[in-house]
Amino acid sequence: MQIRLMEPGQPVSDFAIAGTLVTVGDVSIDCAAREGDTAVLIEIRNNNGLITEGGAGAYVAQIEIPARRYETVIVEPEGGEQGPSEAQEPVALDPDAVTVTLWPTV
C-alpha cells in the first residue's frame, strides 16, 4: 500500500494494513472485496467523535482502490467446440496499487 500523509509530521488516527485489509480506527475495509471495474474511493470520516465510513464529518482517511485489471487466457475447447478461444479473467488486486491518504487528527 502507498501511504500518503496530508500534513507530514502531524498525528493521524490509528491504522493498520494487512494484505488488502485496511483498518482505520474501528473501520475495516477489505480492498479486494471492494474492487470494481472502475476505481473506487472510500472516505473514512470523524462523525461526532466516531470514525465511520462516509458521512459529513472531517476526513480521517481516504482509500483509493484502482480499477480491476484483467488478463486474457486461452480456453481449450470442450465437447463439440472447435479450437481454443480467449476469455478475460480478473487479476488479483495488487496491494501496492492501493493508496491510503491520512489526514491529521484534531
PDB file of N, CA and C in Angstrom:
ATOM      1  N   MET A   1       0.854  -1.177   0.000  1.00  0.00           N
ATOM      2  CA  MET A   1       0.000   0.000   0.000  1.00  0.00           C
ATOM      3  C   MET A   1       0.896   1.234   0.000  1.00  0.00           C
ATOM      4  N   GLN A   2       0.397   2.234  -0.630  1.00  0.00           N
ATOM      5  CA  GLN A   2       1.056   3.524  -0.611  1.00  0.00           C
ATOM      6  C   GLN A   2       0.368   4.361   0.464  1.00  0.00           C
ATOM      7  N   ILE A   3       1.157   4.908   1.368  1.00  0.00           N
ATOM      8  CA  ILE A   3       0.616   5.753   2.437  1.00  0.00           C
ATOM      9  C   ILE A   3       0.980   7.193   2.112  1.00  0.00           C
ATOM     10  N   ARG A   4      -0.022   8.059   2.107  1.00  0.00           N
ATOM     11  CA  ARG A   4       0.204   9.485   1.839  1.00  0.00           C
ATOM     12  C   ARG A   4      -0.330  10.271   3.026  1.00  0.00           C
ATOM     13  N   LEU A   5       0.499  11.140   3.580  1.00  0.00           N
ATOM     14  CA  LEU A   5       0.100  11.982   4.708  1.00  0.00           C
ATOM     15  C   LEU A   5      -0.247  13.368   4.183  1.00  0.00           C
ATOM     16  N   MET A   6      -1.434  13.861   4.512  1.00  0.00           N
ATOM     17  CA  MET A   6      -1.838  15.189   4.059  1.00  0.00           C
ATOM     18  C   MET A   6      -0.967  16.267   4.699  1.00  0.00           C
ATOM     19  N   GLU A   7      -0.559  16.069   5.952  1.00  0.00           N
ATOM     20  CA  GLU A   7       0.322  17.008   6.635  1.00  0.00           C
ATOM     21  C   GLU A   7       1.392  16.197   7.365  1.00  0.00           C
ATOM     22  N   PRO A   8       2.505  15.912   6.663  1.00  0.00           N
ATOM     23  CA  PRO A   8       3.569  15.111   7.278  1.00  0.00           C
ATOM     24  C   PRO A   8       3.999  15.689   8.634  1.00  0.00           C
ATOM     25  N   GLY A   9       4.249  14.776   9.566  1.00  0.00           N
ATOM     26  CA  GLY A   9       4.683  15.177  10.904  1.00  0.00           C
ATOM     27  C   GLY A   9       3.546  15.377  11.893  1.00  0.00           C
ATOM     28  N   GLN A  10       2.307  15.423  11.403  1.00  0.00           N
ATOM     29  CA  GLN A  10       1.151  15.595  12.275  1.00  0.00           C
ATOM     30  C   GLN A  10       0.594  14.236  12.674  1.00  0.00           C
ATOM     31  N   PRO A  11      -0.013  14.128  13.877  1.00  0.00           N
ATOM     32  CA  PRO A  11      -0.584  12.831  14.287  1.00  0.00           C
ATOM     33  C   PRO A  11      -1.791  12.462  13.422  1.00  0.00           C
ATOM     34  N   VAL A  12      -1.954  11.150  13.189  1.00  0.00           N
ATOM     35  CA  VAL A  12      -3.087  10.619  12.421  1.00  0.00           C
ATOM     36  C   VAL A  12      -3.792   9.570  13.276  1.00  0.00           C
ATOM     37  N   SER A  13      -4.967   9.159  12.848  1.00  0.00           N
ATOM     38  CA  SER A  13      -5.699   8.099  13.548  1.00  0.00           C
ATOM     39  C   SER A  13      -4.925   6.793  13.478  1.00  0.00           C
ATOM     40  N   ASP A  14      -5.182   5.921  14.454  1.00  0.00           N
ATOM     41  CA  ASP A  14      -4.568   4.598  14.427  1.00  0.00           C
ATOM     42  C   ASP A  14      -5.012   3.884  13.169  1.00  0.00           C
ATOM     43  N   PHE A  15      -4.066   3.227  12.492  1.00  0.00           N
ATOM     44  CA  PHE A  15      -4.407   2.467  11.303  1.00  0.00           C
ATOM     45  C   PHE A  15      -3.500   1.245  11.218  1.00  0.00           C
ATOM     46  N   ALA A  16      -3.986   0.254  10.469  1.00  0.00           N
ATOM     47  CA  ALA A  16      -3.211  -0.978  10.265  1.00  0.00           C
ATOM     48  C   ALA A  16      -3.495  -1.474   8.851  1.00  0.00           C
ATOM     49  N   ILE A  17      -2.493  -2.143   8.286  1.00  0.00           N
ATOM     50  CA  ILE A  17      -2.625  -2.706   6.950  1.00  0.00           C
ATOM     51  C   ILE A  17      -2.142  -4.146   7.006  1.00  0.00           C
ATOM     52  N   ALA A  18      -2.965  -5.062   6.497  1.00  0.00           N
ATOM     53  CA  ALA A  18      -2.607  -6.479   6.425  1.00  0.00           C
ATOM     54  C   ALA A  18      -3.072  -6.999   5.077  1.00  0.00           C
ATOM     55  N   GLY A  19      -2.146  -7.156   4.140  1.00  0.00           N
ATOM     56  CA  GLY A  19      -2.522  -7.591   2.793  1.00  0.00           C
ATOM     57  C   GLY A  19      -3.391  -6.543   2.135  1.00  0.00           C
ATOM     58  N   THR A  20      -4.636  -6.894   1.807  1.00  0.00           N
ATOM     59  CA  THR A  20      -5.551  -5.927   1.189  1.00  0.00           C
ATOM     60  C   THR A  20      -6.567  -5.381   2.200  1.00  0.00           C
ATOM     61  N   LEU A  21      -6.366  -5.656   3.484  1.00  0.00           N
ATOM     62  CA  LEU A  21      -7.263  -5.166   4.538  1.00  0.00           C
ATOM     63  C   LEU A  21      -6.672  -3.906   5.166  1.00  0.00           C
ATOM     64  N   VAL A  22      -7.449  -2.814   5.143  1.00  0.00           N
ATOM     65  CA  VAL A  22      -7.040  -1.549   5.749  1.00  0.00           C
ATOM     66  C   VAL A  22      -7.981  -1.270   6.907  1.00  0.00           C
ATOM     67  N   THR A  23      -7.413  -0.999   8.079  1.00  0.00           N
ATOM     68  CA  THR A  23      -8.217  -0.655   9.248  1.00  0.00           C
ATOM     69  C   THR A  23      -7.809   0.730   9.722  1.00  0.00           C
ATOM     70  N   VAL A  24      -8.804   1.603   9.868  1.00  0.00           N
ATOM     71  CA  VAL A  24      -8.587   2.947  10.403  1.00  0.00           C
ATOM     72  C   VAL A  24      -9.573   3.100  11.549  1.00  0.00           C
ATOM     73  N   GLY A  25      -9.051   3.298  12.758  1.00  0.00           N
ATOM     74  CA  GLY A  25      -9.929   3.318  13.921  1.00  0.00           C
ATOM     75  C   GLY A  25     -10.627   1.975  14.021  1.00  0.00           C
ATOM     76  N   ASP A  26     -11.955   1.986  14.074  1.00  0.00           N
ATOM     77  CA  ASP A  26     -12.740   0.750  14.146  1.00  0.00           C
ATOM     78  C   ASP A  26     -13.297   0.325  12.786  1.00  0.00           C
ATOM     79  N   VAL A  27     -12.909   1.014  11.721  1.00  0.00           N
ATOM     80  CA  VAL A  27     -13.434   0.722  10.382  1.00  0.00           C
ATOM     81  C   VAL A  27     -12.426  -0.130   9.619  1.00  0.00           C
ATOM     82  N   SER A  28     -12.866  -1.301   9.157  1.00  0.00           N
ATOM     83  CA  SER A  28     -12.012  -2.184   8.356  1.00  0.00           C
ATOM     84  C   SER A  28     -12.581  -2.285   6.945  1.00  0.00           C
ATOM     85  N   ILE A  29     -11.703  -2.131   5.969  1.00  0.00           N
ATOM     86  CA  ILE A  29     -12.098  -2.196   4.565  1.00  0.00           C
ATOM     87  C   ILE A  29     -11.265  -3.280   3.892  1.00  0.00           C
ATOM     88  N   ASP A  30     -11.940  -4.269   3.311  1.00  0.00           N
ATOM     89  CA  ASP A  30     -11.268  -5.303   2.527  1.00  0.00           C
ATOM     90  C   ASP A  30     -11.224  -4.786   1.095  1.00  0.00           C
ATOM     91  N   CYS A  31     -10.080  -4.249   0.695  1.00  0.00           N
ATOM     92  CA  CYS A  31      -9.950  -3.615  -0.617  1.00  0.00           C
ATOM     93  C   CYS A  31     -10.205  -4.590  -1.751  1.00  0.00           C
ATOM     94  N   ALA A  32      -9.794  -5.837  -1.614  1.00  0.00           N
ATOM     95  CA  ALA A  32     -10.024  -6.828  -2.669  1.00  0.00           C
ATOM     96  C   ALA A  32     -11.521  -7.056  -2.857  1.00  0.00           C
ATOM     97  N   ALA A  33     -12.280  -7.074  -1.772  1.00  0.00           N
ATOM     98  CA  ALA A  33     -13.720  -7.289  -1.862  1.00  0.00           C
ATOM     99  C   ALA A  33     -14.434  -6.070  -2.442  1.00  0.00           C
ATOM    100  N   ARG A  34     -13.854  -4.881  -2.293  1.00  0.00           N
ATOM    101  CA  ARG A  34     -14.490  -3.650  -2.767  1.00  0.00           C
ATOM    102  C   ARG A  34     -14.026  -3.240  -4.167  1.00  0.00           C
ATOM    103  N   GLU A  35     -13.038  -3.951  -4.718  1.00  0.00           N
ATOM    104  CA  GLU A  35     -12.512  -3.640  -6.046  1.00  0.00           C
ATOM    105  C   GLU A  35     -13.614  -3.807  -7.083  1.00  0.00           C
ATOM    106  N   GLY A  36     -13.634  -2.916  -8.087  1.00  0.00           N
ATOM    107  CA  GLY A  36     -14.636  -2.997  -9.142  1.00  0.00           C
ATOM    108  C   GLY A  36     -14.029  -2.715 -10.499  1.00  0.00           C
ATOM    109  N   ASP A  37     -14.874  -2.653 -11.513  1.00  0.00           N
ATOM    110  CA  ASP A  37     -14.391  -2.402 -12.870  1.00  0.00           C
ATOM    111  C   ASP A  37     -13.998  -0.942 -13.088  1.00  0.00           C
ATOM    112  N   THR A  38     -14.343  -0.076 -12.142  1.00  0.00           N
ATOM    113  CA  THR A  38     -13.874   1.312 -12.147  1.00  0.00           C
ATOM    114  C   THR A  38     -13.196   1.568 -10.806  1.00  0.00           C
ATOM    115  N   ALA A  39     -12.378   2.601 -10.743  1.00  0.00           N
ATOM    116  CA  ALA A  39     -11.687   2.931  -9.496  1.00  0.00           C
ATOM    117  C   ALA A  39     -12.709   3.213  -8.391  1.00  0.00           C
ATOM    118  N   VAL A  40     -12.337   2.885  -7.162  1.00  0.00           N
ATOM    119  CA  VAL A  40     -13.218   3.063  -6.009  1.00  0.00           C
ATOM    120  C   VAL A  40     -12.527   3.987  -5.013  1.00  0.00           C
ATOM    121  N   LEU A  41     -13.254   4.984  -4.500  1.00  0.00           N
ATOM    122  CA  LEU A  41     -12.733   5.893  -3.485  1.00  0.00           C
ATOM    123  C   LEU A  41     -13.596   5.748  -2.243  1.00  0.00           C
ATOM    124  N   ILE A  42     -12.979   5.352  -1.147  1.00  0.00           N
ATOM    125  CA  ILE A  42     -13.695   5.156   0.115  1.00  0.00           C
ATOM    126  C   ILE A  42     -13.266   6.242   1.081  1.00  0.00           C
ATOM    127  N   GLU A  43     -14.235   6.946   1.654  1.00  0.00           N
ATOM    128  CA  GLU A  43     -13.955   8.011   2.608  1.00  0.00           C
ATOM    129  C   GLU A  43     -14.227   7.520   4.018  1.00  0.00           C
ATOM    130  N   ILE A  44     -13.288   7.772   4.898  1.00  0.00           N
ATOM    131  CA  ILE A  44     -13.471   7.467   6.316  1.00  0.00           C
ATOM    132  C   ILE A  44     -13.436   8.819   7.041  1.00  0.00           C
ATOM    133  N   ARG A  45     -14.469   9.057   7.847  1.00  0.00           N
ATOM    134  CA  ARG A  45     -14.632  10.379   8.458  1.00  0.00           C
ATOM    135  C   ARG A  45     -14.882  10.291   9.957  1.00  0.00           C
ATOM    136  N   ASN A  46     -14.665  11.413  10.614  1.00  0.00           N
ATOM    137  CA  ASN A  46     -14.957  11.557  12.036  1.00  0.00           C
ATOM    138  C   ASN A  46     -16.338  12.191  12.143  1.00  0.00           C
ATOM    139  N   ASN A  47     -17.322  11.390  12.509  1.00  0.00           N
ATOM    140  CA  ASN A  47     -18.697  11.859  12.651  1.00  0.00           C
ATOM    141  C   ASN A  47     -19.047  11.934  14.127  1.00  0.00           C
ATOM    142  N   ASN A  48     -18.952  13.139  14.663  1.00  0.00           N
ATOM    143  CA  ASN A  48     -19.265  13.378  16.086  1.00  0.00           C
ATOM    144  C   ASN A  48     -18.476  12.464  17.011  1.00  0.00           C
ATOM    145  N   GLY A  49     -17.176  12.336  16.736  1.00  0.00           N
ATOM    146  CA  GLY A  49     -16.302  11.542  17.590  1.00  0.00           C
ATOM    147  C   GLY A  49     -16.221  10.070  17.227  1.00  0.00           C
ATOM    148  N   LEU A  50     -17.037   9.618  16.288  1.00  0.00           N
ATOM    149  CA  LEU A  50     -16.993   8.226  15.839  1.00  0.00           C
ATOM    150  C   LEU A  50     -16.366   8.162  14.450  1.00  0.00           C
ATOM    151  N   ILE A  51     -15.436   7.248  14.261  1.00  0.00           N
ATOM    152  CA  ILE A  51     -14.833   7.068  12.945  1.00  0.00           C
ATOM    153  C   ILE A  51     -15.721   6.108  12.164  1.00  0.00           C
ATOM    154  N   THR A  52     -16.248   6.594  11.023  1.00  0.00           N
ATOM    155  CA  THR A  52     -17.180   5.813  10.228  1.00  0.00           C
ATOM    156  C   THR A  52     -16.823   5.909   8.745  1.00  0.00           C
ATOM    157  N   GLU A  53     -17.346   4.983   7.964  1.00  0.00           N
ATOM    158  CA  GLU A  53     -17.210   5.093   6.521  1.00  0.00           C
ATOM    159  C   GLU A  53     -18.266   6.074   6.042  1.00  0.00           C
ATOM    160  N   GLY A  54     -17.839   7.091   5.319  1.00  0.00           N
ATOM    161  CA  GLY A  54     -18.756   8.100   4.800  1.00  0.00           C
ATOM    162  C   GLY A  54     -19.235   9.048   5.874  1.00  0.00           C
ATOM    163  N   GLY A  55     -20.270   9.791   5.555  1.00  0.00           N
ATOM    164  CA  GLY A  55     -20.811  10.769   6.477  1.00  0.00           C
ATOM    165  C   GLY A  55     -20.364  12.170   6.097  1.00  0.00           C
ATOM    166  N   ALA A  56     -20.622  13.105   7.009  1.00  0.00           N
ATOM    167  CA  ALA A  56     -20.347  14.514   6.706  1.00  0.00           C
ATOM    168  C   ALA A  56     -19.256  15.108   7.582  1.00  0.00           C
ATOM    169  N   GLY A  57     -18.624  14.313   8.415  1.00  0.00           N
ATOM    170  CA  GLY A  57     -17.603  14.838   9.322  1.00  0.00           C
ATOM    171  C   GLY A  57     -16.271  15.079   8.637  1.00  0.00           C
ATOM    172  N   ALA A  58     -15.294  15.437   9.458  1.00  0.00           N
ATOM    173  CA  ALA A  58     -13.943  15.716   8.965  1.00  0.00           C
ATOM    174  C   ALA A  58     -13.298  14.440   8.430  1.00  0.00           C
ATOM    175  N   TYR A  59     -12.495  14.598   7.384  1.00  0.00           N
ATOM    176  CA  TYR A  59     -11.776  13.449   6.830  1.00  0.00           C
ATOM    177  C   TYR A  59     -10.801  12.879   7.844  1.00  0.00           C
ATOM    178  N   VAL A  60     -10.747  11.563   7.907  1.00  0.00           N
ATOM    179  CA  VAL A  60      -9.746  10.828   8.676  1.00  0.00           C
ATOM    180  C   VAL A  60      -8.810  10.133   7.693  1.00  0.00           C
ATOM    181  N   ALA A  61      -9.422   9.516   6.662  1.00  0.00           N
ATOM    182  CA  ALA A  61      -8.636   8.808   5.642  1.00  0.00           C
ATOM    183  C   ALA A  61      -9.459   8.647   4.371  1.00  0.00           C
ATOM    184  N   GLN A  62      -8.742   8.444   3.273  1.00  0.00           N
ATOM    185  CA  GLN A  62      -9.353   8.048   2.008  1.00  0.00           C
ATOM    186  C   GLN A  62      -8.577   6.842   1.504  1.00  0.00           C
ATOM    187  N   ILE A  63      -9.304   5.893   0.957  1.00  0.00           N
ATOM    188  CA  ILE A  63      -8.677   4.700   0.387  1.00  0.00           C
ATOM    189  C   ILE A  63      -9.024   4.686  -1.096  1.00  0.00           C
ATOM    190  N   GLU A  64      -7.991   4.692  -1.936  1.00  0.00           N
ATOM    191  CA  GLU A  64      -8.170   4.684  -3.380  1.00  0.00           C
ATOM    192  C   GLU A  64      -7.802   3.301  -3.913  1.00  0.00           C
ATOM    193  N   ILE A  65      -8.804   2.609  -4.444  1.00  0.00           N
ATOM    194  CA  ILE A  65      -8.612   1.269  -4.996  1.00  0.00           C
ATOM    195  C   ILE A  65      -8.693   1.388  -6.515  1.00  0.00           C
ATOM    196  N   PRO A  66      -7.644   1.002  -7.225  1.00  0.00           N
ATOM    197  CA  PRO A  66      -7.688   1.128  -8.688  1.00  0.00           C
ATOM    198  C   PRO A  66      -8.695   0.161  -9.303  1.00  0.00           C
ATOM    199  N   ALA A  67      -9.057   0.439 -10.544  1.00  0.00           N
ATOM    200  CA  ALA A  67      -9.978  -0.441 -11.273  1.00  0.00           C
ATOM    201  C   ALA A  67      -9.378  -1.836 -11.416  1.00  0.00           C
ATOM    202  N   ARG A  68     -10.240  -2.829 -11.390  1.00  0.00           N
ATOM    203  CA  ARG A  68      -9.811  -4.219 -11.547  1.00  0.00           C
ATOM    204  C   ARG A  68      -9.105  -4.389 -12.892  1.00  0.00           C
ATOM    205  N   ARG A  69      -8.043  -5.175 -12.880  1.00  0.00           N
ATOM    206  CA  ARG A  69      -7.328  -5.491 -14.110  1.00  0.00           C
ATOM    207  C   ARG A  69      -7.713  -6.904 -14.549  1.00  0.00           C
ATOM    208  N   TYR A  70      -7.633  -7.122 -15.842  1.00  0.00           N
ATOM    209  CA  TYR A  70      -7.955  -8.429 -16.415  1.00  0.00           C
ATOM    210  C   TYR A  70      -6.787  -8.911 -17.263  1.00  0.00           C
ATOM    211  N   GLU A  71      -6.706 -10.226 -17.414  1.00  0.00           N
ATOM    212  CA  GLU A  71      -5.732 -10.803 -18.328  1.00  0.00           C
ATOM    213  C   GLU A  71      -6.470 -11.748 -19.273  1.00  0.00           C
ATOM    214  N   THR A  72      -5.929 -11.860 -20.467  1.00  0.00           N
ATOM    215  CA  THR A  72      -6.518 -12.749 -21.466  1.00  0.00           C
ATOM    216  C   THR A  72      -5.947 -14.145 -21.268  1.00  0.00           C
ATOM    217  N   VAL A  73      -6.833 -15.127 -21.204  1.00  0.00           N
ATOM    218  CA  VAL A  73      -6.408 -16.521 -21.066  1.00  0.00           C
ATOM    219  C   VAL A  73      -6.991 -17.321 -22.224  1.00  0.00           C
ATOM    220  N   ILE A  74      -6.310 -18.386 -22.562  1.00  0.00           N
ATOM    221  CA  ILE A  74      -6.767 -19.284 -23.622  1.00  0.00           C
ATOM    222  C   ILE A  74      -7.606 -20.390 -22.990  1.00  0.00           C
ATOM    223  N   VAL A  75      -8.810 -20.587 -23.527  1.00  0.00           N
ATOM    224  CA  VAL A  75      -9.722 -21.612 -23.035  1.00  0.00           C
ATOM    225  C   VAL A  75      -9.747 -22.732 -24.064  1.00  0.00           C
ATOM    226  N   GLU A  76      -9.386 -23.913 -23.615  1.00  0.00           N
ATOM    227  CA  GLU A  76      -9.383 -25.077 -24.510  1.00  0.00           C
ATOM    228  C   GLU A  76     -10.822 -25.527 -24.765  1.00  0.00           C
ATOM    229  N   PRO A  77     -11.083 -25.990 -25.964  1.00  0.00           N
ATOM    230  CA  PRO A  77     -12.453 -26.397 -26.319  1.00  0.00           C
ATOM    231  C   PRO A  77     -12.894 -27.635 -25.541  1.00  0.00           C
ATOM    232  N   GLU A  78     -14.212 -27.709 -25.348  1.00  0.00           N
ATOM    233  CA  GLU A  78     -14.799 -28.885 -24.703  1.00  0.00           C
ATOM    234  C   GLU A  78     -15.849 -29.468 -25.642  1.00  0.00           C
ATOM    235  N   GLY A  79     -15.990 -30.744 -25.616  1.00  0.00           N
ATOM    236  CA  GLY A  79     -17.033 -31.398 -26.422  1.00  0.00           C
ATOM    237  C   GLY A  79     -16.910 -31.085 -27.893  1.00  0.00           C
ATOM    238  N   GLY A  80     -17.986 -30.546 -28.497  1.00  0.00           N
ATOM    239  CA  GLY A  80     -18.031 -30.307 -29.928  1.00  0.00           C
ATOM    240  C   GLY A  80     -17.488 -28.953 -30.361  1.00  0.00           C
ATOM    241  N   GLU A  81     -16.962 -28.141 -29.444  1.00  0.00           N
ATOM    242  CA  GLU A  81     -16.450 -26.826 -29.817  1.00  0.00           C
ATOM    243  C   GLU A  81     -15.202 -26.972 -30.683  1.00  0.00           C
ATOM    244  N   GLN A  82     -14.992 -25.986 -31.552  1.00  0.00           N
ATOM    245  CA  GLN A  82     -13.826 -26.014 -32.429  1.00  0.00           C
ATOM    246  C   GLN A  82     -12.781 -25.017 -31.960  1.00  0.00           C
ATOM    247  N   GLY A  83     -11.574 -25.470 -31.773  1.00  0.00           N
ATOM    248  CA  GLY A  83     -10.431 -24.620 -31.465  1.00  0.00           C
ATOM    249  C   GLY A  83     -10.529 -23.874 -30.148  1.00  0.00           C
ATOM    250  N   PRO A  84      -9.388 -23.440 -29.650  1.00  0.00           N
ATOM    251  CA  PRO A  84      -9.374 -22.685 -28.393  1.00  0.00           C
ATOM    252  C   PRO A  84      -9.959 -21.284 -28.584  1.00  0.00           C
ATOM    253  N   SER A  85     -10.420 -20.694 -27.499  1.00  0.00           N
ATOM    254  CA  SER A  85     -10.940 -19.324 -27.532  1.00  0.00           C
ATOM    255  C   SER A  85     -10.269 -18.521 -26.418  1.00  0.00           C
ATOM    256  N   GLU A  86     -10.504 -17.227 -26.429  1.00  0.00           N
ATOM    257  CA  GLU A  86      -9.929 -16.359 -25.404  1.00  0.00           C
ATOM    258  C   GLU A  86     -11.016 -15.916 -24.441  1.00  0.00           C
ATOM    259  N   ALA A  87     -10.607 -15.700 -23.193  1.00  0.00           N
ATOM    260  CA  ALA A  87     -11.520 -15.187 -22.172  1.00  0.00           C
ATOM    261  C   ALA A  87     -10.753 -14.205 -21.295  1.00  0.00           C
ATOM    262  N   GLN A  88     -11.476 -13.308 -20.663  1.00  0.00           N
ATOM    263  CA  GLN A  88     -10.880 -12.340 -19.746  1.00  0.00           C
ATOM    264  C   GLN A  88     -11.099 -12.811 -18.318  1.00  0.00           C
ATOM    265  N   GLU A  89     -10.010 -12.913 -17.549  1.00  0.00           N
ATOM    266  CA  GLU A  89     -10.107 -13.289 -16.143  1.00  0.00           C
ATOM    267  C   GLU A  89      -9.528 -12.181 -15.291  1.00  0.00           C
ATOM    268  N   PRO A  90     -10.172 -11.879 -14.146  1.00  0.00           N
ATOM    269  CA  PRO A  90      -9.644 -10.822 -13.283  1.00  0.00           C
ATOM    270  C   PRO A  90      -8.303 -11.222 -12.667  1.00  0.00           C
ATOM    271  N   VAL A  91      -7.448 -10.234 -12.499  1.00  0.00           N
ATOM    272  CA  VAL A  91      -6.152 -10.415 -11.849  1.00  0.00           C
ATOM    273  C   VAL A  91      -6.334 -10.024 -10.383  1.00  0.00           C
ATOM    274  N   ALA A  92      -5.716 -10.759  -9.471  1.00  0.00           N
ATOM    275  CA  ALA A  92      -5.817 -10.434  -8.043  1.00  0.00           C
ATOM    276  C   ALA A  92      -5.320  -9.012  -7.793  1.00  0.00           C
ATOM    277  N   LEU A  93      -5.981  -8.314  -6.877  1.00  0.00           N
ATOM    278  CA  LEU A  93      -5.609  -6.945  -6.532  1.00  0.00           C
ATOM    279  C   LEU A  93      -4.182  -6.902  -5.988  1.00  0.00           C
ATOM    280  N   ASP A  94      -3.386  -6.009  -6.524  1.00  0.00           N
ATOM    281  CA  ASP A  94      -2.031  -5.774  -6.035  1.00  0.00           C
ATOM    282  C   ASP A  94      -2.132  -4.761  -4.893  1.00  0.00           C
ATOM    283  N   PRO A  95      -1.850  -5.162  -3.646  1.00  0.00           N
ATOM    284  CA  PRO A  95      -1.960  -4.227  -2.528  1.00  0.00           C
ATOM    285  C   PRO A  95      -1.122  -2.964  -2.713  1.00  0.00           C
ATOM    286  N   ASP A  96      -0.010  -3.070  -3.448  1.00  0.00           N
ATOM    287  CA  ASP A  96       0.845  -1.906  -3.664  1.00  0.00           C
ATOM    288  C   ASP A  96       0.194  -0.860  -4.568  1.00  0.00           C
ATOM    289  N   ALA A  97      -0.891  -1.213  -5.243  1.00  0.00           N
ATOM    290  CA  ALA A  97      -1.587  -0.271  -6.128  1.00  0.00           C
ATOM    291  C   ALA A  97      -2.629   0.557  -5.360  1.00  0.00           C
ATOM    292  N   VAL A  98      -2.898   0.205  -4.104  1.00  0.00           N
ATOM    293  CA  VAL A  98      -3.878   0.900  -3.288  1.00  0.00           C
ATOM    294  C   VAL A  98      -3.185   2.061  -2.569  1.00  0.00           C
ATOM    295  N   THR A  99      -3.860   3.215  -2.525  1.00  0.00           N
ATOM    296  CA  THR A  99      -3.313   4.389  -1.835  1.00  0.00           C
ATOM    297  C   THR A  99      -4.212   4.721  -0.643  1.00  0.00           C
ATOM    298  N   VAL A 100      -3.586   4.902   0.512  1.00  0.00           N
ATOM    299  CA  VAL A 100      -4.286   5.316   1.726  1.00  0.00           C
ATOM    300  C   VAL A 100      -3.789   6.716   2.076  1.00  0.00           C
ATOM    301  N   THR A 101      -4.701   7.686   2.065  1.00  0.00           N
ATOM    302  CA  THR A 101      -4.361   9.063   2.415  1.00  0.00           C
ATOM    303  C   THR A 101      -4.882   9.316   3.825  1.00  0.00           C
ATOM    304  N   LEU A 102      -4.012   9.820   4.700  1.00  0.00           N
ATOM    305  CA  LEU A 102      -4.378  10.068   6.094  1.00  0.00           C
ATOM    306  C   LEU A 102      -4.354  11.565   6.391  1.00  0.00           C
ATOM    307  N   TRP A 103      -5.408  12.043   7.047  1.00  0.00           N
ATOM    308  CA  TRP A 103      -5.491  13.429   7.472  1.00  0.00           C
ATOM    309  C   TRP A 103      -5.071  13.529   8.937  1.00  0.00           C
ATOM    310  N   PRO A 104      -4.573  14.679   9.353  1.00  0.00           N
ATOM    311  CA  PRO A 104      -4.197  14.847  10.760  1.00  0.00           C
ATOM    312  C   PRO A 104      -5.432  14.800  11.666  1.00  0.00           C
ATOM    313  N   THR A 105      -5.235  14.261  12.854  1.00  0.00           N
ATOM    314  CA  THR A 105      -6.325  14.225  13.828  1.00  0.00           C
ATOM    315  C   THR A 105      -6.405  15.580  14.515  1.00  0.00           C
ATOM    316  N   VAL A 106      -7.582  15.870  15.006  1.00  0.00           N
ATOM    317  CA  VAL A 106      -7.795  17.166  15.658  1.00  0.00           C
ATOM    318  C   VAL A 106      -7.549  17.049  17.130  1.00  0.00           C
TER     319      VAL A 106
END
